[in-house]
PDB file of N, CA and C in Angstrom:
ATOM      1  N   THR A   1      74.425 -49.977  36.197  1.00  0.00           N
ATOM      2  CA  THR A   1      74.787 -50.599  34.419  1.00  0.00           C
ATOM      3  C   THR A   1      73.945 -49.697  33.774  1.00  0.00           C
ATOM      4  N   SER A   2      75.023 -48.838  32.434  1.00  0.00           N
ATOM      5  CA  SER A   2      74.637 -47.818  31.526  1.00  0.00           C
ATOM      6  C   SER A   2      73.224 -48.623  30.906  1.00  0.00           C
ATOM      7  N   ASN A   3      73.038 -47.310  30.449  1.00  0.00           N
ATOM      8  CA  ASN A   3      71.245 -47.617  29.475  1.00  0.00           C
ATOM      9  C   ASN A   3      71.887 -48.342  28.058  1.00  0.00           C
ATOM     10  N   LEU A   4      73.260 -48.436  27.742  1.00  0.00           N
ATOM     11  CA  LEU A   4      73.541 -48.940  26.293  1.00  0.00           C
ATOM     12  C   LEU A   4      73.491 -50.320  26.940  1.00  0.00           C
ATOM     13  N   ASP A   5      74.141 -50.980  28.041  1.00  0.00           N
ATOM     14  CA  ASP A   5      74.142 -52.472  28.300  1.00  0.00           C
ATOM     15  C   ASP A   5      72.771 -52.784  28.834  1.00  0.00           C
ATOM     16  N   THR A   6      72.026 -52.064  29.619  1.00  0.00           N
ATOM     17  CA  THR A   6      70.662 -52.323  29.851  1.00  0.00           C
ATOM     18  C   THR A   6      69.723 -52.632  28.612  1.00  0.00           C
ATOM     19  N   LYS A   7      69.873 -52.191  27.751  1.00  0.00           N
ATOM     20  CA  LYS A   7      69.179 -52.046  26.190  1.00  0.00           C
ATOM     21  C   LYS A   7      69.990 -53.706  25.340  1.00  0.00           C
ATOM     22  N   PHE A   8      70.939 -53.715  25.846  1.00  0.00           N
ATOM     23  CA  PHE A   8      72.038 -54.981  25.579  1.00  0.00           C
ATOM     24  C   PHE A   8      71.163 -55.782  26.078  1.00  0.00           C
ATOM     25  N   PHE A   9      71.030 -56.157  27.113  1.00  0.00           N
ATOM     26  CA  PHE A   9      70.571 -57.373  27.914  1.00  0.00           C
ATOM     27  C   PHE A   9      69.065 -57.576  27.640  1.00  0.00           C
ATOM     28  N   ASN A  10      68.635 -56.751  27.559  1.00  0.00           N
ATOM     29  CA  ASN A  10      67.115 -56.666  27.533  1.00  0.00           C
ATOM     30  C   ASN A  10      66.829 -57.404  26.281  1.00  0.00           C
ATOM     31  N   ASN A  11      67.710 -56.531  25.222  1.00  0.00           N
ATOM     32  CA  ASN A  11      67.423 -57.568  23.789  1.00  0.00           C
ATOM     33  C   ASN A  11      68.188 -58.916  23.767  1.00  0.00           C
ATOM     34  N   GLN A  12      69.292 -59.161  24.325  1.00  0.00           N
ATOM     35  CA  GLN A  12      69.263 -60.613  24.688  1.00  0.00           C
ATOM     36  C   GLN A  12      68.527 -61.634  25.800  1.00  0.00           C
ATOM     37  N   GLY A  13      67.794 -60.908  26.375  1.00  0.00           N
ATOM     38  CA  GLY A  13      66.428 -61.809  27.277  1.00  0.00           C
ATOM     39  C   GLY A  13      67.197 -62.105  28.798  1.00  0.00           C
ATOM     40  N   ILE A  14      68.334 -61.194  29.035  1.00  0.00           N
ATOM     41  CA  ILE A  14      68.916 -61.327  30.002  1.00  0.00           C
ATOM     42  C   ILE A  14      68.209 -60.457  31.327  1.00  0.00           C
ATOM     43  N   HIS A  15      67.786 -61.150  32.258  1.00  0.00           N
ATOM     44  CA  HIS A  15      67.372 -60.100  33.040  1.00  0.00           C
ATOM     45  C   HIS A  15      68.548 -59.865  34.191  1.00  0.00           C
ATOM     46  N   VAL A  16      68.707 -58.502  34.059  1.00  0.00           N
ATOM     47  CA  VAL A  16      69.482 -57.619  35.666  1.00  0.00           C
ATOM     48  C   VAL A  16      68.884 -57.460  36.661  1.00  0.00           C
ATOM     49  N   ILE A  17      69.935 -58.113  37.801  1.00  0.00           N
ATOM     50  CA  ILE A  17      69.047 -57.817  38.978  1.00  0.00           C
ATOM     51  C   ILE A  17      70.075 -56.353  39.472  1.00  0.00           C
ATOM     52  N   GLU A  18      69.187 -55.578  40.182  1.00  0.00           N
ATOM     53  CA  GLU A  18      69.351 -54.370  40.500  1.00  0.00           C
ATOM     54  C   GLU A  18      70.151 -54.091  42.286  1.00  0.00           C
ATOM     55  N   TRP A  19      71.255 -53.756  42.075  1.00  0.00           N
ATOM     56  CA  TRP A  19      72.241 -53.801  42.995  1.00  0.00           C
ATOM     57  C   TRP A  19      72.505 -52.730  43.467  1.00  0.00           C
ATOM     58  N   HIS A  20      72.836 -51.961  44.609  1.00  0.00           N
ATOM     59  CA  HIS A  20      72.903 -50.936  45.420  1.00  0.00           C
ATOM     60  C   HIS A  20      74.005 -51.232  46.030  1.00  0.00           C
ATOM     61  N   VAL A  21      75.040 -50.519  45.640  1.00  0.00           N
ATOM     62  CA  VAL A  21      76.608 -50.977  45.862  1.00  0.00           C
ATOM     63  C   VAL A  21      76.959 -50.313  47.671  1.00  0.00           C
ATOM     64  N   GLN A  22      76.247 -49.006  47.675  1.00  0.00           N
ATOM     65  CA  GLN A  22      75.882 -48.640  49.019  1.00  0.00           C
ATOM     66  C   GLN A  22      75.764 -48.660  50.036  1.00  0.00           C
ATOM     67  N   LEU A  23      74.711 -49.999  50.552  1.00  0.00           N
ATOM     68  CA  LEU A  23      74.348 -50.581  51.234  1.00  0.00           C
ATOM     69  C   LEU A  23      75.453 -51.142  52.195  1.00  0.00           C
ATOM     70  N   PRO A  24      75.335 -50.431  52.968  1.00  0.00           N
ATOM     71  CA  PRO A  24      76.307 -50.709  54.290  1.00  0.00           C
ATOM     72  C   PRO A  24      76.654 -52.090  54.783  1.00  0.00           C
ATOM     73  N   ASP A  25      75.161 -52.799  55.012  1.00  0.00           N
ATOM     74  CA  ASP A  25      74.837 -54.224  55.141  1.00  0.00           C
ATOM     75  C   ASP A  25      75.764 -55.306  54.211  1.00  0.00           C
ATOM     76  N   LEU A  26      75.635 -54.716  52.823  1.00  0.00           N
ATOM     77  CA  LEU A  26      76.330 -55.390  51.777  1.00  0.00           C
ATOM     78  C   LEU A  26      77.924 -55.551  51.510  1.00  0.00           C
ATOM     79  N   ASN A  27      78.219 -54.205  51.823  1.00  0.00           N
ATOM     80  CA  ASN A  27      79.576 -53.930  51.415  1.00  0.00           C
ATOM     81  C   ASN A  27      80.207 -54.767  52.657  1.00  0.00           C
ATOM     82  N   SER A  28      80.967 -55.850  52.337  1.00  0.00           N
ATOM     83  CA  SER A  28      81.812 -56.162  52.868  1.00  0.00           C
ATOM     84  C   SER A  28      83.293 -55.877  53.657  1.00  0.00           C
ATOM     85  N   ILE A  29      83.657 -54.935  52.869  1.00  0.00           N
ATOM     86  CA  ILE A  29      84.908 -54.691  52.929  1.00  0.00           C
ATOM     87  C   ILE A  29      84.650 -53.572  54.101  1.00  0.00           C
ATOM     88  N   GLU A  30      83.642 -53.143  54.546  1.00  0.00           N
ATOM     89  CA  GLU A  30      83.362 -51.977  55.626  1.00  0.00           C
ATOM     90  C   GLU A  30      83.455 -52.553  56.794  1.00  0.00           C
ATOM     91  N   TYR A  31      83.205 -53.990  56.843  1.00  0.00           N
ATOM     92  CA  TYR A  31      83.023 -54.991  58.620  1.00  0.00           C
ATOM     93  C   TYR A  31      84.566 -55.192  58.523  1.00  0.00           C
ATOM     94  N   LEU A  32      85.375 -55.315  57.203  1.00  0.00           N
ATOM     95  CA  LEU A  32      87.008 -55.904  57.828  1.00  0.00           C
ATOM     96  C   LEU A  32      87.511 -54.381  57.840  1.00  0.00           C
ATOM     97  N   TRP A  33      87.363 -53.681  57.219  1.00  0.00           N
ATOM     98  CA  TRP A  33      88.106 -52.228  57.833  1.00  0.00           C
ATOM     99  C   TRP A  33      87.563 -51.844  59.246  1.00  0.00           C
ATOM    100  N   ASP A  34      86.203 -52.379  59.497  1.00  0.00           N
ATOM    101  CA  ASP A  34      86.223 -51.774  61.152  1.00  0.00           C
ATOM    102  C   ASP A  34      87.013 -52.975  61.613  1.00  0.00           C
ATOM    103  N   LEU A  35      86.965 -54.335  61.375  1.00  0.00           N
ATOM    104  CA  LEU A  35      87.300 -55.339  62.006  1.00  0.00           C
ATOM    105  C   LEU A  35      88.893 -55.064  62.398  1.00  0.00           C
ATOM    106  N   LEU A  36      89.715 -54.261  61.011  1.00  0.00           N
ATOM    107  CA  LEU A  36      91.120 -54.200  61.362  1.00  0.00           C
ATOM    108  C   LEU A  36      91.608 -52.988  62.269  1.00  0.00           C
ATOM    109  N   LYS A  37      90.431 -51.894  62.223  1.00  0.00           N
ATOM    110  CA  LYS A  37      90.724 -50.734  62.874  1.00  0.00           C
ATOM    111  C   LYS A  37      90.848 -51.408  64.453  1.00  0.00           C
ATOM    112  N   MET A  38      89.579 -52.135  64.996  1.00  0.00           N
ATOM    113  CA  MET A  38      89.662 -52.553  65.990  1.00  0.00           C
ATOM    114  C   MET A  38      90.877 -53.512  66.823  1.00  0.00           C
ATOM    115  N   LEU A  39      91.410 -53.971  65.791  1.00  0.00           N
ATOM    116  CA  LEU A  39      92.418 -55.220  66.223  1.00  0.00           C
ATOM    117  C   LEU A  39      93.433 -54.308  66.275  1.00  0.00           C
ATOM    118  N   VAL A  40      93.610 -53.195  65.511  1.00  0.00           N
ATOM    119  CA  VAL A  40      94.807 -52.081  65.761  1.00  0.00           C
ATOM    120  C   VAL A  40      95.156 -51.742  67.165  1.00  0.00           C
ATOM    121  N   ASN A  41      93.580 -51.108  67.122  1.00  0.00           N
ATOM    122  CA  ASN A  41      93.094 -50.366  68.604  1.00  0.00           C
ATOM    123  C   ASN A  41      93.445 -51.340  69.510  1.00  0.00           C
ATOM    124  N   SER A  42      93.611 -52.623  69.333  1.00  0.00           N
ATOM    125  CA  SER A  42      93.501 -53.469  71.021  1.00  0.00           C
ATOM    126  C   SER A  42      94.893 -53.580  71.706  1.00  0.00           C
ATOM    127  N   TYR A  43      95.935 -53.119  70.522  1.00  0.00           N
ATOM    128  CA  TYR A  43      96.660 -53.567  71.019  1.00  0.00           C
ATOM    129  C   TYR A  43      97.909 -52.176  72.217  1.00  0.00           C
ATOM    130  N   GLU A  44      98.091 -52.473  73.040  1.00  0.00           N
ATOM    131  CA  GLU A  44      98.310 -51.476  74.211  1.00  0.00           C
ATOM    132  C   GLU A  44      99.413 -50.597  73.101  1.00  0.00           C
ATOM    133  N   ASN A  45     100.676 -51.206  72.491  1.00  0.00           N
ATOM    134  CA  ASN A  45     101.603 -50.240  72.018  1.00  0.00           C
ATOM    135  C   ASN A  45     101.432 -50.650  70.129  1.00  0.00           C
ATOM    136  N   PRO A  46     100.635 -50.001  69.472  1.00  0.00           N
ATOM    137  CA  PRO A  46     100.249 -50.611  68.091  1.00  0.00           C
ATOM    138  C   PRO A  46     101.332 -50.089  67.278  1.00  0.00           C
ATOM    139  N   SER A  47     102.074 -51.281  66.210  1.00  0.00           N
ATOM    140  CA  SER A  47     103.191 -50.639  65.556  1.00  0.00           C
ATOM    141  C   SER A  47     102.855 -49.527  64.521  1.00  0.00           C
ATOM    142  N   SER A  48     103.576 -48.594  64.009  1.00  0.00           N
ATOM    143  CA  SER A  48     103.610 -47.868  62.767  1.00  0.00           C
ATOM    144  C   SER A  48     103.863 -48.680  61.762  1.00  0.00           C
ATOM    145  N   ARG A  49     104.587 -49.802  61.577  1.00  0.00           N
ATOM    146  CA  ARG A  49     105.107 -50.727  60.785  1.00  0.00           C
ATOM    147  C   ARG A  49     103.754 -51.701  60.413  1.00  0.00           C
ATOM    148  N   VAL A  50     103.819 -51.745  58.898  1.00  0.00           N
ATOM    149  CA  VAL A  50     102.584 -52.560  58.163  1.00  0.00           C
ATOM    150  C   VAL A  50     102.998 -54.064  58.556  1.00  0.00           C
ATOM    151  N   PHE A  51     104.400 -54.436  58.705  1.00  0.00           N
ATOM    152  CA  PHE A  51     104.729 -55.975  58.287  1.00  0.00           C
ATOM    153  C   PHE A  51     104.084 -56.385  59.994  1.00  0.00           C
ATOM    154  N   GLU A  52     104.492 -55.518  60.795  1.00  0.00           N
ATOM    155  CA  GLU A  52     104.501 -56.273  62.052  1.00  0.00           C
ATOM    156  C   GLU A  52     103.063 -56.140  62.595  1.00  0.00           C
ATOM    157  N   LEU A  53     102.159 -55.203  62.148  1.00  0.00           N
ATOM    158  CA  LEU A  53     100.663 -55.339  62.390  1.00  0.00           C
ATOM    159  C   LEU A  53     100.057 -56.828  61.642  1.00  0.00           C
ATOM    160  N   TRP A  54     101.074 -56.542  60.367  1.00  0.00           N
ATOM    161  CA  TRP A  54     100.441 -58.212  59.497  1.00  0.00           C
ATOM    162  C   TRP A  54     100.639 -59.274  60.251  1.00  0.00           C
ATOM    163  N   GLU A  55     102.081 -59.539  61.061  1.00  0.00           N
ATOM    164  CA  GLU A  55     102.298 -60.302  61.459  1.00  0.00           C
ATOM    165  C   GLU A  55     101.583 -60.966  62.882  1.00  0.00           C
ATOM    166  N   LYS A  56     101.338 -59.680  63.386  1.00  0.00           N
ATOM    167  CA  LYS A  56     100.245 -59.465  64.588  1.00  0.00           C
ATOM    168  C   LYS A  56      98.887 -60.100  64.396  1.00  0.00           C
ATOM    169  N   ALA A  57      98.180 -59.523  63.368  1.00  0.00           N
ATOM    170  CA  ALA A  57      97.027 -60.179  62.706  1.00  0.00           C
ATOM    171  C   ALA A  57      96.687 -61.604  62.201  1.00  0.00           C
ATOM    172  N   ALA A  58      97.873 -61.774  61.463  1.00  0.00           N
ATOM    173  CA  ALA A  58      98.238 -63.705  61.540  1.00  0.00           C
ATOM    174  C   ALA A  58      98.221 -64.379  62.711  1.00  0.00           C
ATOM    175  N   VAL A  59      98.235 -63.914  63.792  1.00  0.00           N
ATOM    176  CA  VAL A  59      98.505 -64.688  64.941  1.00  0.00           C
ATOM    177  C   VAL A  59      97.398 -64.764  65.161  1.00  0.00           C
ATOM    178  N   LYS A  60      96.969 -63.813  65.182  1.00  0.00           N
ATOM    179  CA  LYS A  60      95.004 -64.164  65.788  1.00  0.00           C
ATOM    180  C   LYS A  60      94.220 -65.020  65.142  1.00  0.00           C
TER     181      LYS A  60
END
């Protein structure tokens, strides 16, 4: 949050929660990327076409 935003929220009586975006356990997209990599690597002959990979992942 920028200093200007923080001042505005304080003036309005709004408490801002500090949120550290880079914490790996709170960043769910990292978990999803890892899961996707594991799924792709689990195929004997992984496809290079996105549509085929999508279809294979949808089945699981």
